[in-house]
Amino acid sequence: LLDILVNGVSIGVPASIYATGKGTIVDSGTTDTYLPRRAADKFKAAWARELGPGAPKYSNTKVNYTPDQIKRFPLLTFILDNGVRVDVKPSAYMEQAAGKYIPRVYLSEASGTVLGANFMQDHDIFFDAENRRLGFAKAHCSYASSLSALQKVDPTLRLLDSPSNTKKLYYNSSSSSTAVAPSMNISM
């Protein structure tokens, strides 16, 4: 990770801060994104600049925002090696719960950076372990389109509510239900 832009403006943290300790990892097994503590003040200042005067301070707790502030949630752009830019929309990093919002970009990592699943949302990620590289492409992901595509291969596939009230893909079989979990973890 070389830089983070908040609505197109660098937060001004040197790339060496993101690379300390374990460095920057892209981890599909981690739900959220974790930035180094040493980036916190500059990230919070950029957040405050975008939301405007009177906005709540950035924190990872449930916060009430006005409709105008919600419209101002910024686009986060992560600048990687070789000019790769990954845009993360507010819908990927803001969680809504009971009418309040919780940012899911944490500013608490002791060293290094973890770019989790919310960083990957709305992207196809190619993990090329053999050549120790990643590829990113914008994608439109939805359960409905995934189900439709998979049903062409296997018409027994159905979308059902799971016990946790989230949508999951299951094979509709009389003998058992097998979850389809299209995720991949690669340690390099």
N, C-alpha and C. Protein backbone atom coordinates (compact mmCIF):
# COMPACT_ATOMS: atom_id res chain seq x y z
N LEU A 1 0.85 -1.17 0.00
CA LEU A 1 0.00 0.00 0.00
C LEU A 1 0.90 1.23 0.00
N LEU A 2 0.65 2.10 -0.95
CA LEU A 2 1.45 3.31 -1.06
C LEU A 2 0.76 4.54 -0.49
N ASP A 3 -0.57 4.61 -0.63
CA ASP A 3 -1.29 5.80 -0.19
C ASP A 3 -2.77 5.47 -0.05
N ILE A 4 -3.46 6.32 0.69
CA ILE A 4 -4.92 6.26 0.79
C ILE A 4 -5.44 7.64 0.45
N LEU A 5 -6.41 7.69 -0.45
CA LEU A 5 -7.06 8.94 -0.81
C LEU A 5 -8.47 8.94 -0.22
N VAL A 6 -8.87 10.08 0.31
CA VAL A 6 -10.24 10.27 0.79
C VAL A 6 -10.86 11.29 -0.15
N ASN A 7 -11.82 10.83 -0.95
CA ASN A 7 -12.41 11.65 -2.03
C ASN A 7 -11.33 12.28 -2.91
N GLY A 8 -10.34 11.47 -3.26
CA GLY A 8 -9.32 11.90 -4.21
C GLY A 8 -8.16 12.67 -3.62
N VAL A 9 -8.14 12.91 -2.30
CA VAL A 9 -7.06 13.67 -1.67
C VAL A 9 -6.28 12.75 -0.74
N SER A 10 -4.96 12.72 -0.91
CA SER A 10 -4.11 11.89 -0.08
C SER A 10 -4.25 12.27 1.39
N ILE A 11 -4.23 11.27 2.27
CA ILE A 11 -4.26 11.58 3.69
C ILE A 11 -2.86 11.96 4.18
N GLY A 12 -1.85 11.75 3.36
CA GLY A 12 -0.51 12.22 3.68
C GLY A 12 0.29 11.34 4.62
N VAL A 13 0.00 10.06 4.64
CA VAL A 13 0.76 9.12 5.46
C VAL A 13 1.82 8.47 4.58
N PRO A 14 3.09 8.49 5.00
CA PRO A 14 4.14 7.86 4.19
C PRO A 14 3.88 6.36 3.99
N ALA A 15 4.22 5.85 2.82
CA ALA A 15 4.03 4.44 2.50
C ALA A 15 4.73 3.53 3.50
N SER A 16 5.82 3.98 4.08
CA SER A 16 6.58 3.16 5.04
C SER A 16 5.74 2.81 6.27
N ILE A 17 4.78 3.65 6.63
CA ILE A 17 3.92 3.38 7.79
C ILE A 17 3.03 2.16 7.52
N TYR A 18 2.51 2.05 6.30
CA TYR A 18 1.66 0.90 5.95
C TYR A 18 2.47 -0.39 5.86
N ALA A 19 3.78 -0.25 5.61
CA ALA A 19 4.63 -1.42 5.35
C ALA A 19 5.34 -1.94 6.59
N THR A 20 5.14 -1.33 7.75
CA THR A 20 5.84 -1.79 8.94
C THR A 20 5.35 -3.17 9.37
N GLY A 21 6.15 -3.84 10.19
CA GLY A 21 5.76 -5.15 10.72
C GLY A 21 5.46 -6.15 9.62
N LYS A 22 4.23 -6.61 9.58
CA LYS A 22 3.82 -7.62 8.59
C LYS A 22 3.63 -7.04 7.20
N GLY A 23 3.69 -5.70 7.08
CA GLY A 23 3.44 -5.04 5.80
C GLY A 23 1.96 -4.94 5.54
N THR A 24 1.59 -4.83 4.29
CA THR A 24 0.18 -4.77 3.91
C THR A 24 -0.25 -6.14 3.41
N ILE A 25 -1.32 -6.66 3.98
CA ILE A 25 -1.84 -7.94 3.50
C ILE A 25 -3.28 -7.76 3.03
N VAL A 26 -3.64 -8.48 1.99
CA VAL A 26 -5.02 -8.55 1.51
C VAL A 26 -5.54 -9.89 2.00
N ASP A 27 -6.55 -9.84 2.87
CA ASP A 27 -6.99 -11.04 3.57
C ASP A 27 -8.49 -11.25 3.42
N SER A 28 -8.86 -12.20 2.59
CA SER A 28 -10.28 -12.49 2.37
C SER A 28 -10.94 -13.12 3.59
N GLY A 29 -10.15 -13.56 4.55
CA GLY A 29 -10.69 -14.15 5.77
C GLY A 29 -10.93 -13.14 6.87
N THR A 30 -10.62 -11.88 6.62
CA THR A 30 -10.86 -10.81 7.59
C THR A 30 -11.98 -9.94 7.05
N THR A 31 -13.01 -9.72 7.83
CA THR A 31 -14.19 -8.99 7.37
C THR A 31 -13.89 -7.52 7.08
N ASP A 32 -13.16 -6.86 7.97
CA ASP A 32 -12.98 -5.42 7.91
C ASP A 32 -11.56 -5.04 7.50
N THR A 33 -11.33 -3.74 7.41
CA THR A 33 -10.02 -3.21 7.05
C THR A 33 -9.40 -2.55 8.28
N TYR A 34 -8.11 -2.79 8.46
CA TYR A 34 -7.38 -2.28 9.62
C TYR A 34 -6.16 -1.49 9.16
N LEU A 35 -6.15 -0.21 9.51
CA LEU A 35 -5.03 0.66 9.16
C LEU A 35 -4.15 0.85 10.40
N PRO A 36 -2.88 1.21 10.20
CA PRO A 36 -2.00 1.40 11.35
C PRO A 36 -2.44 2.58 12.23
N ARG A 37 -2.24 2.43 13.54
CA ARG A 37 -2.55 3.51 14.47
C ARG A 37 -1.85 4.80 14.07
N ARG A 38 -0.66 4.68 13.51
CA ARG A 38 0.11 5.87 13.13
C ARG A 38 -0.53 6.63 11.97
N ALA A 39 -1.55 6.07 11.33
CA ALA A 39 -2.28 6.76 10.26
C ALA A 39 -3.57 7.38 10.77
N ALA A 40 -3.92 7.11 12.02
CA ALA A 40 -5.24 7.48 12.56
C ALA A 40 -5.51 8.98 12.51
N ASP A 41 -4.60 9.80 13.00
CA ASP A 41 -4.86 11.24 13.07
C ASP A 41 -5.10 11.83 11.69
N LYS A 42 -4.31 11.42 10.72
CA LYS A 42 -4.47 11.98 9.37
C LYS A 42 -5.74 11.46 8.70
N PHE A 43 -6.08 10.20 8.95
CA PHE A 43 -7.33 9.66 8.39
C PHE A 43 -8.52 10.40 9.00
N LYS A 44 -8.52 10.57 10.32
CA LYS A 44 -9.62 11.26 11.00
C LYS A 44 -9.75 12.71 10.52
N ALA A 45 -8.63 13.38 10.28
CA ALA A 45 -8.67 14.76 9.78
C ALA A 45 -9.30 14.81 8.39
N ALA A 46 -8.95 13.85 7.53
CA ALA A 46 -9.53 13.80 6.18
C ALA A 46 -11.02 13.52 6.26
N TRP A 47 -11.42 12.64 7.14
CA TRP A 47 -12.84 12.31 7.35
C TRP A 47 -13.61 13.56 7.77
N ALA A 48 -13.08 14.28 8.74
CA ALA A 48 -13.73 15.49 9.25
C ALA A 48 -13.85 16.55 8.15
N ARG A 49 -12.82 16.68 7.34
CA ARG A 49 -12.84 17.63 6.23
C ARG A 49 -13.98 17.31 5.27
N GLU A 50 -14.20 16.05 4.98
CA GLU A 50 -15.23 15.65 4.02
C GLU A 50 -16.64 15.76 4.59
N LEU A 51 -16.83 15.43 5.86
CA LEU A 51 -18.17 15.48 6.43
C LEU A 51 -18.58 16.88 6.86
N GLY A 52 -17.62 17.75 7.06
CA GLY A 52 -17.92 19.14 7.35
C GLY A 52 -18.07 19.45 8.83
N PRO A 53 -18.21 20.75 9.12
CA PRO A 53 -18.32 21.20 10.52
C PRO A 53 -19.54 20.59 11.21
N GLY A 54 -19.35 20.24 12.47
CA GLY A 54 -20.46 19.71 13.26
C GLY A 54 -20.68 18.22 13.11
N ALA A 55 -19.95 17.57 12.21
CA ALA A 55 -20.10 16.13 12.03
C ALA A 55 -19.48 15.39 13.21
N PRO A 56 -20.02 14.24 13.55
CA PRO A 56 -19.42 13.44 14.62
C PRO A 56 -17.98 13.07 14.26
N LYS A 57 -17.15 12.95 15.27
CA LYS A 57 -15.77 12.51 15.05
C LYS A 57 -15.77 11.05 14.60
N TYR A 58 -14.78 10.69 13.80
CA TYR A 58 -14.65 9.31 13.32
C TYR A 58 -14.43 8.39 14.51
N SER A 59 -15.25 7.36 14.60
CA SER A 59 -15.04 6.32 15.61
C SER A 59 -15.75 5.06 15.14
N ASN A 60 -15.32 3.94 15.66
CA ASN A 60 -15.89 2.65 15.26
C ASN A 60 -17.00 2.22 16.22
N THR A 61 -17.86 3.18 16.54
CA THR A 61 -19.04 2.92 17.35
C THR A 61 -20.26 3.37 16.56
N LYS A 62 -21.44 2.97 17.02
CA LYS A 62 -22.68 3.39 16.35
C LYS A 62 -22.85 4.89 16.51
N VAL A 63 -23.02 5.58 15.38
CA VAL A 63 -23.10 7.04 15.38
C VAL A 63 -24.31 7.48 14.55
N ASN A 64 -25.00 8.51 15.02
CA ASN A 64 -26.07 9.14 14.24
C ASN A 64 -25.44 10.16 13.30
N TYR A 65 -25.80 10.07 12.04
CA TYR A 65 -25.38 11.06 11.05
C TYR A 65 -26.63 11.68 10.45
N THR A 66 -26.53 12.94 10.06
CA THR A 66 -27.65 13.60 9.37
C THR A 66 -27.70 13.08 7.94
N PRO A 67 -28.84 13.24 7.27
CA PRO A 67 -28.91 12.83 5.85
C PRO A 67 -27.84 13.52 4.99
N ASP A 68 -27.54 14.79 5.26
CA ASP A 68 -26.50 15.48 4.50
C ASP A 68 -25.13 14.86 4.75
N GLN A 69 -24.84 14.48 5.98
CA GLN A 69 -23.56 13.85 6.30
C GLN A 69 -23.46 12.47 5.65
N ILE A 70 -24.55 11.74 5.62
CA ILE A 70 -24.55 10.42 4.99
C ILE A 70 -24.20 10.56 3.51
N LYS A 71 -24.74 11.57 2.85
CA LYS A 71 -24.42 11.80 1.43
C LYS A 71 -22.96 12.14 1.24
N ARG A 72 -22.31 12.61 2.28
CA ARG A 72 -20.91 13.05 2.20
C ARG A 72 -19.91 11.95 2.58
N PHE A 73 -20.40 10.76 2.96
CA PHE A 73 -19.45 9.69 3.25
C PHE A 73 -18.51 9.57 2.06
N PRO A 74 -17.20 9.62 2.27
CA PRO A 74 -16.27 9.69 1.14
C PRO A 74 -15.93 8.35 0.49
N LEU A 75 -15.52 8.44 -0.75
CA LEU A 75 -14.91 7.32 -1.47
C LEU A 75 -13.49 7.17 -0.94
N LEU A 76 -13.10 5.96 -0.59
CA LEU A 76 -11.73 5.69 -0.17
C LEU A 76 -11.02 5.02 -1.34
N THR A 77 -9.85 5.53 -1.70
CA THR A 77 -9.07 4.94 -2.79
C THR A 77 -7.73 4.49 -2.22
N PHE A 78 -7.44 3.22 -2.42
CA PHE A 78 -6.19 2.65 -1.96
C PHE A 78 -5.25 2.55 -3.16
N ILE A 79 -4.09 3.18 -3.05
CA ILE A 79 -3.10 3.18 -4.12
C ILE A 79 -2.07 2.10 -3.81
N LEU A 80 -1.96 1.15 -4.73
CA LEU A 80 -1.04 0.02 -4.57
C LEU A 80 0.09 0.14 -5.57
N ASP A 81 1.02 -0.81 -5.51
CA ASP A 81 2.14 -0.84 -6.47
C ASP A 81 1.64 -0.84 -7.91
N ASN A 82 2.50 -0.43 -8.81
CA ASN A 82 2.24 -0.46 -10.26
C ASN A 82 1.03 0.36 -10.67
N GLY A 83 0.71 1.40 -9.89
CA GLY A 83 -0.39 2.28 -10.26
C GLY A 83 -1.78 1.71 -10.05
N VAL A 84 -1.90 0.60 -9.34
CA VAL A 84 -3.20 -0.02 -9.10
C VAL A 84 -3.95 0.83 -8.08
N ARG A 85 -5.19 1.17 -8.42
CA ARG A 85 -6.08 1.96 -7.55
C ARG A 85 -7.32 1.14 -7.28
N VAL A 86 -7.66 0.97 -6.01
CA VAL A 86 -8.86 0.24 -5.64
C VAL A 86 -9.78 1.21 -4.89
N ASP A 87 -10.94 1.48 -5.49
CA ASP A 87 -11.93 2.37 -4.88
C ASP A 87 -12.85 1.57 -3.97
N VAL A 88 -13.05 2.07 -2.75
CA VAL A 88 -13.94 1.43 -1.79
C VAL A 88 -15.05 2.42 -1.47
N LYS A 89 -16.27 2.03 -1.85
CA LYS A 89 -17.43 2.89 -1.65
C LYS A 89 -17.91 2.84 -0.20
N PRO A 90 -18.61 3.89 0.22
CA PRO A 90 -19.17 3.88 1.58
C PRO A 90 -20.05 2.65 1.86
N SER A 91 -20.75 2.16 0.86
CA SER A 91 -21.60 0.98 1.07
C SER A 91 -20.77 -0.25 1.47
N ALA A 92 -19.48 -0.23 1.18
CA ALA A 92 -18.60 -1.35 1.54
C ALA A 92 -18.02 -1.19 2.95
N TYR A 93 -17.76 0.04 3.36
CA TYR A 93 -17.09 0.23 4.65
C TYR A 93 -17.98 0.80 5.75
N MET A 94 -19.21 1.20 5.45
CA MET A 94 -20.12 1.71 6.49
C MET A 94 -21.22 0.67 6.74
N GLU A 95 -21.38 0.28 7.97
CA GLU A 95 -22.44 -0.66 8.34
C GLU A 95 -23.57 0.12 9.00
N GLN A 96 -24.79 -0.16 8.61
CA GLN A 96 -25.94 0.49 9.22
C GLN A 96 -26.58 -0.48 10.21
N ALA A 97 -26.82 0.02 11.42
CA ALA A 97 -27.43 -0.81 12.45
C ALA A 97 -28.34 0.07 13.31
N ALA A 98 -29.59 -0.28 13.38
CA ALA A 98 -30.57 0.44 14.20
C ALA A 98 -30.57 1.94 13.90
N GLY A 99 -30.50 2.29 12.62
CA GLY A 99 -30.55 3.69 12.21
C GLY A 99 -29.26 4.46 12.42
N LYS A 100 -28.23 3.79 12.89
CA LYS A 100 -26.93 4.42 13.10
C LYS A 100 -25.92 3.78 12.17
N TYR A 101 -24.77 4.42 12.03
CA TYR A 101 -23.72 3.92 11.15
C TYR A 101 -22.44 3.63 11.93
N ILE A 102 -21.75 2.59 11.48
CA ILE A 102 -20.49 2.19 12.09
C ILE A 102 -19.46 2.06 10.96
N PRO A 103 -18.39 2.87 10.97
CA PRO A 103 -17.33 2.69 9.97
C PRO A 103 -16.57 1.40 10.25
N ARG A 104 -16.34 0.60 9.22
CA ARG A 104 -15.64 -0.68 9.38
C ARG A 104 -14.22 -0.60 8.85
N VAL A 105 -13.63 0.60 8.91
CA VAL A 105 -12.20 0.78 8.69
C VAL A 105 -11.66 1.16 10.06
N TYR A 106 -10.89 0.25 10.64
CA TYR A 106 -10.37 0.45 11.99
C TYR A 106 -8.99 1.07 11.92
N LEU A 107 -8.70 1.93 12.87
CA LEU A 107 -7.43 2.67 12.91
C LEU A 107 -6.62 2.19 14.11
N SER A 108 -6.53 0.88 14.24
CA SER A 108 -6.01 0.29 15.47
C SER A 108 -4.87 -0.71 15.29
N GLU A 109 -4.41 -0.92 14.10
CA GLU A 109 -3.38 -1.93 13.86
C GLU A 109 -2.05 -1.44 14.44
N ALA A 110 -1.39 -2.29 15.22
CA ALA A 110 -0.12 -1.90 15.84
C ALA A 110 0.94 -1.61 14.78
N SER A 111 0.99 -2.44 13.76
CA SER A 111 1.91 -2.21 12.65
C SER A 111 1.35 -2.90 11.42
N GLY A 112 1.65 -2.34 10.26
CA GLY A 112 1.16 -2.91 9.02
C GLY A 112 -0.32 -2.61 8.79
N THR A 113 -0.84 -3.20 7.73
CA THR A 113 -2.20 -2.92 7.26
C THR A 113 -2.86 -4.22 6.85
N VAL A 114 -4.13 -4.37 7.18
CA VAL A 114 -4.91 -5.53 6.74
C VAL A 114 -6.08 -5.00 5.91
N LEU A 115 -6.10 -5.36 4.65
CA LEU A 115 -7.19 -4.99 3.75
C LEU A 115 -8.12 -6.19 3.66
N GLY A 116 -9.25 -6.09 4.35
CA GLY A 116 -10.17 -7.23 4.48
C GLY A 116 -11.22 -7.29 3.41
N ALA A 117 -12.24 -8.09 3.66
CA ALA A 117 -13.29 -8.35 2.68
C ALA A 117 -14.03 -7.09 2.26
N ASN A 118 -14.21 -6.12 3.18
CA ASN A 118 -14.92 -4.91 2.77
C ASN A 118 -14.10 -4.11 1.75
N PHE A 119 -12.78 -4.21 1.80
CA PHE A 119 -11.91 -3.60 0.79
C PHE A 119 -12.14 -4.27 -0.57
N MET A 120 -12.41 -5.56 -0.57
CA MET A 120 -12.57 -6.32 -1.81
C MET A 120 -13.97 -6.22 -2.42
N GLN A 121 -14.94 -5.74 -1.63
CA GLN A 121 -16.31 -5.69 -2.11
C GLN A 121 -16.40 -4.92 -3.42
N ASP A 122 -17.21 -5.37 -4.33
CA ASP A 122 -17.41 -4.78 -5.66
C ASP A 122 -16.21 -4.94 -6.57
N HIS A 123 -15.35 -5.91 -6.26
CA HIS A 123 -14.19 -6.20 -7.09
C HIS A 123 -14.04 -7.71 -7.27
N ASP A 124 -13.52 -8.09 -8.42
CA ASP A 124 -13.04 -9.46 -8.60
C ASP A 124 -11.56 -9.40 -8.26
N ILE A 125 -11.11 -10.34 -7.43
CA ILE A 125 -9.72 -10.37 -6.99
C ILE A 125 -9.10 -11.67 -7.52
N PHE A 126 -7.97 -11.53 -8.19
CA PHE A 126 -7.25 -12.70 -8.68
C PHE A 126 -6.02 -12.89 -7.81
N PHE A 127 -5.99 -13.99 -7.05
CA PHE A 127 -4.85 -14.32 -6.20
C PHE A 127 -3.92 -15.24 -7.01
N ASP A 128 -2.81 -14.71 -7.46
CA ASP A 128 -1.83 -15.48 -8.22
C ASP A 128 -0.68 -15.82 -7.27
N ALA A 129 -0.85 -16.89 -6.50
CA ALA A 129 0.14 -17.27 -5.49
C ALA A 129 1.47 -17.67 -6.12
N GLU A 130 1.40 -18.35 -7.25
CA GLU A 130 2.62 -18.81 -7.91
C GLU A 130 3.56 -17.65 -8.25
N ASN A 131 2.99 -16.55 -8.71
CA ASN A 131 3.80 -15.39 -9.09
C ASN A 131 3.78 -14.29 -8.03
N ARG A 132 3.17 -14.58 -6.87
CA ARG A 132 3.13 -13.66 -5.74
C ARG A 132 2.59 -12.29 -6.13
N ARG A 133 1.39 -12.30 -6.74
CA ARG A 133 0.78 -11.04 -7.14
C ARG A 133 -0.74 -11.16 -7.06
N LEU A 134 -1.38 -9.98 -7.06
CA LEU A 134 -2.83 -9.90 -7.02
C LEU A 134 -3.31 -9.10 -8.20
N GLY A 135 -4.51 -9.40 -8.66
CA GLY A 135 -5.15 -8.61 -9.70
C GLY A 135 -6.50 -8.13 -9.20
N PHE A 136 -6.87 -6.91 -9.59
CA PHE A 136 -8.13 -6.30 -9.16
C PHE A 136 -8.91 -5.84 -10.38
N ALA A 137 -10.20 -6.11 -10.39
CA ALA A 137 -11.08 -5.61 -11.45
C ALA A 137 -12.41 -5.22 -10.81
N LYS A 138 -12.97 -4.10 -11.26
CA LYS A 138 -14.29 -3.71 -10.76
C LYS A 138 -15.29 -4.77 -11.17
N ALA A 139 -16.25 -5.01 -10.28
CA ALA A 139 -17.24 -6.04 -10.56
C ALA A 139 -18.59 -5.61 -10.00
N HIS A 140 -19.64 -6.14 -10.59
CA HIS A 140 -20.98 -5.95 -10.04
C HIS A 140 -21.40 -7.29 -9.45
N CYS A 141 -21.43 -7.35 -8.15
CA CYS A 141 -21.73 -8.62 -7.48
C CYS A 141 -23.10 -8.55 -6.83
N SER A 142 -23.91 -9.55 -7.07
CA SER A 142 -25.18 -9.65 -6.38
C SER A 142 -25.54 -11.11 -6.25
N TYR A 143 -26.27 -11.43 -5.19
CA TYR A 143 -26.69 -12.81 -5.00
C TYR A 143 -27.56 -13.28 -6.16
N ALA A 144 -28.44 -12.41 -6.62
CA ALA A 144 -29.36 -12.81 -7.69
C ALA A 144 -28.60 -13.18 -8.96
N SER A 145 -27.61 -12.37 -9.36
CA SER A 145 -26.87 -12.68 -10.58
C SER A 145 -25.98 -13.90 -10.37
N SER A 146 -25.42 -14.07 -9.16
CA SER A 146 -24.62 -15.25 -8.87
C SER A 146 -25.47 -16.51 -8.96
N LEU A 147 -26.64 -16.46 -8.36
CA LEU A 147 -27.54 -17.61 -8.39
C LEU A 147 -27.93 -17.95 -9.82
N SER A 148 -28.28 -16.93 -10.59
CA SER A 148 -28.69 -17.16 -11.97
C SER A 148 -27.58 -17.84 -12.77
N ALA A 149 -26.35 -17.36 -12.62
CA ALA A 149 -25.23 -17.93 -13.36
C ALA A 149 -24.96 -19.37 -12.91
N LEU A 150 -25.00 -19.60 -11.59
CA LEU A 150 -24.74 -20.94 -11.09
C LEU A 150 -25.85 -21.93 -11.43
N GLN A 151 -27.10 -21.44 -11.50
CA GLN A 151 -28.21 -22.33 -11.84
C GLN A 151 -28.10 -22.82 -13.29
N LYS A 152 -27.41 -22.11 -14.15
CA LYS A 152 -27.18 -22.58 -15.51
C LYS A 152 -26.30 -23.81 -15.51
N VAL A 153 -25.39 -23.88 -14.52
CA VAL A 153 -24.51 -25.04 -14.39
C VAL A 153 -25.20 -26.16 -13.62
N ASP A 154 -25.91 -25.78 -12.56
CA ASP A 154 -26.60 -26.77 -11.72
C ASP A 154 -27.98 -26.23 -11.36
N PRO A 155 -29.02 -26.69 -12.03
CA PRO A 155 -30.37 -26.18 -11.78
C PRO A 155 -30.92 -26.50 -10.40
N THR A 156 -30.28 -27.38 -9.61
CA THR A 156 -30.77 -27.69 -8.27
C THR A 156 -30.37 -26.63 -7.25
N LEU A 157 -29.52 -25.68 -7.62
CA LEU A 157 -29.05 -24.66 -6.70
C LEU A 157 -30.15 -23.66 -6.40
N ARG A 158 -30.36 -23.36 -5.12
CA ARG A 158 -31.40 -22.42 -4.70
C ARG A 158 -30.82 -21.44 -3.69
N LEU A 159 -31.41 -20.27 -3.59
CA LEU A 159 -31.03 -19.27 -2.60
C LEU A 159 -32.00 -19.37 -1.43
N LEU A 160 -31.48 -19.66 -0.26
CA LEU A 160 -32.30 -19.85 0.93
C LEU A 160 -31.82 -18.95 2.05
N ASP A 161 -32.70 -18.61 2.98
CA ASP A 161 -32.28 -17.88 4.18
C ASP A 161 -31.56 -18.86 5.09
N SER A 162 -30.40 -18.44 5.56
CA SER A 162 -29.67 -19.27 6.51
C SER A 162 -30.13 -18.91 7.92
N PRO A 163 -29.76 -19.69 8.92
CA PRO A 163 -30.18 -19.39 10.29
C PRO A 163 -29.76 -18.01 10.76
N SER A 164 -28.66 -17.46 10.24
CA SER A 164 -28.21 -16.14 10.67
C SER A 164 -28.92 -15.03 9.90
N ASN A 165 -29.96 -15.38 9.15
CA ASN A 165 -30.77 -14.43 8.39
C ASN A 165 -29.98 -13.74 7.28
N THR A 166 -28.94 -14.40 6.78
CA THR A 166 -28.22 -13.89 5.63
C THR A 166 -28.50 -14.84 4.47
N LYS A 167 -28.34 -14.37 3.27
CA LYS A 167 -28.60 -15.21 2.11
C LYS A 167 -27.36 -16.04 1.79
N LYS A 168 -27.55 -17.32 1.57
CA LYS A 168 -26.46 -18.21 1.19
C LYS A 168 -26.96 -19.13 0.10
N LEU A 169 -26.04 -19.60 -0.71
CA LEU A 169 -26.38 -20.52 -1.78
C LEU A 169 -26.29 -21.95 -1.25
N TYR A 170 -27.30 -22.75 -1.55
CA TYR A 170 -27.32 -24.14 -1.13
C TYR A 170 -27.75 -25.02 -2.30
N TYR A 171 -27.20 -26.23 -2.32
CA TYR A 171 -27.72 -27.22 -3.24
C TYR A 171 -29.00 -27.77 -2.65
N ASN A 172 -30.04 -27.83 -3.44
CA ASN A 172 -31.33 -28.34 -2.97
C ASN A 172 -31.35 -29.84 -3.26
N SER A 173 -30.93 -30.59 -2.29
CA SER A 173 -30.82 -32.03 -2.46
C SER A 173 -31.63 -32.73 -1.37
N SER A 174 -32.22 -33.86 -1.68
CA SER A 174 -33.01 -34.57 -0.67
C SER A 174 -32.11 -35.17 0.40
N SER A 175 -30.85 -35.46 0.08
CA SER A 175 -29.98 -36.11 1.05
C SER A 175 -29.32 -35.11 2.01
N SER A 176 -28.90 -33.95 1.52
CA SER A 176 -28.26 -32.97 2.40
C SER A 176 -28.16 -31.63 1.68
N SER A 177 -27.89 -30.61 2.44
CA SER A 177 -27.65 -29.28 1.87
C SER A 177 -26.18 -28.95 2.05
N THR A 178 -25.52 -28.62 0.97
CA THR A 178 -24.11 -28.28 1.00
C THR A 178 -23.96 -26.82 0.63
N ALA A 179 -23.35 -26.04 1.49
CA ALA A 179 -23.15 -24.62 1.22
C ALA A 179 -22.08 -24.43 0.16
N VAL A 180 -22.31 -23.49 -0.72
CA VAL A 180 -21.31 -23.11 -1.70
C VAL A 180 -20.60 -21.89 -1.14
N ALA A 181 -19.32 -22.01 -0.86
CA ALA A 181 -18.57 -20.91 -0.26
C ALA A 181 -17.45 -20.49 -1.20
N PRO A 182 -17.74 -19.57 -2.11
CA PRO A 182 -16.73 -19.19 -3.10
C PRO A 182 -15.73 -18.18 -2.53
N SER A 183 -14.93 -18.60 -1.52
CA SER A 183 -13.91 -17.71 -0.99
C SER A 183 -12.57 -18.41 -1.04
N MET A 184 -11.51 -17.62 -0.97
CA MET A 184 -10.18 -18.19 -1.12
C MET A 184 -9.24 -17.43 -0.19
N ASN A 185 -8.44 -18.14 0.57
CA ASN A 185 -7.39 -17.54 1.39
C ASN A 185 -6.05 -18.05 0.88
N ILE A 186 -5.15 -17.14 0.60
CA ILE A 186 -3.82 -17.53 0.14
C ILE A 186 -2.80 -16.83 1.01
N SER A 187 -1.93 -17.59 1.63
CA SER A 187 -0.81 -17.01 2.37
C SER A 187 0.41 -17.03 1.46
N MET A 188 1.05 -15.87 1.35
CA MET A 188 2.21 -15.81 0.46
C MET A 188 3.44 -15.41 1.22
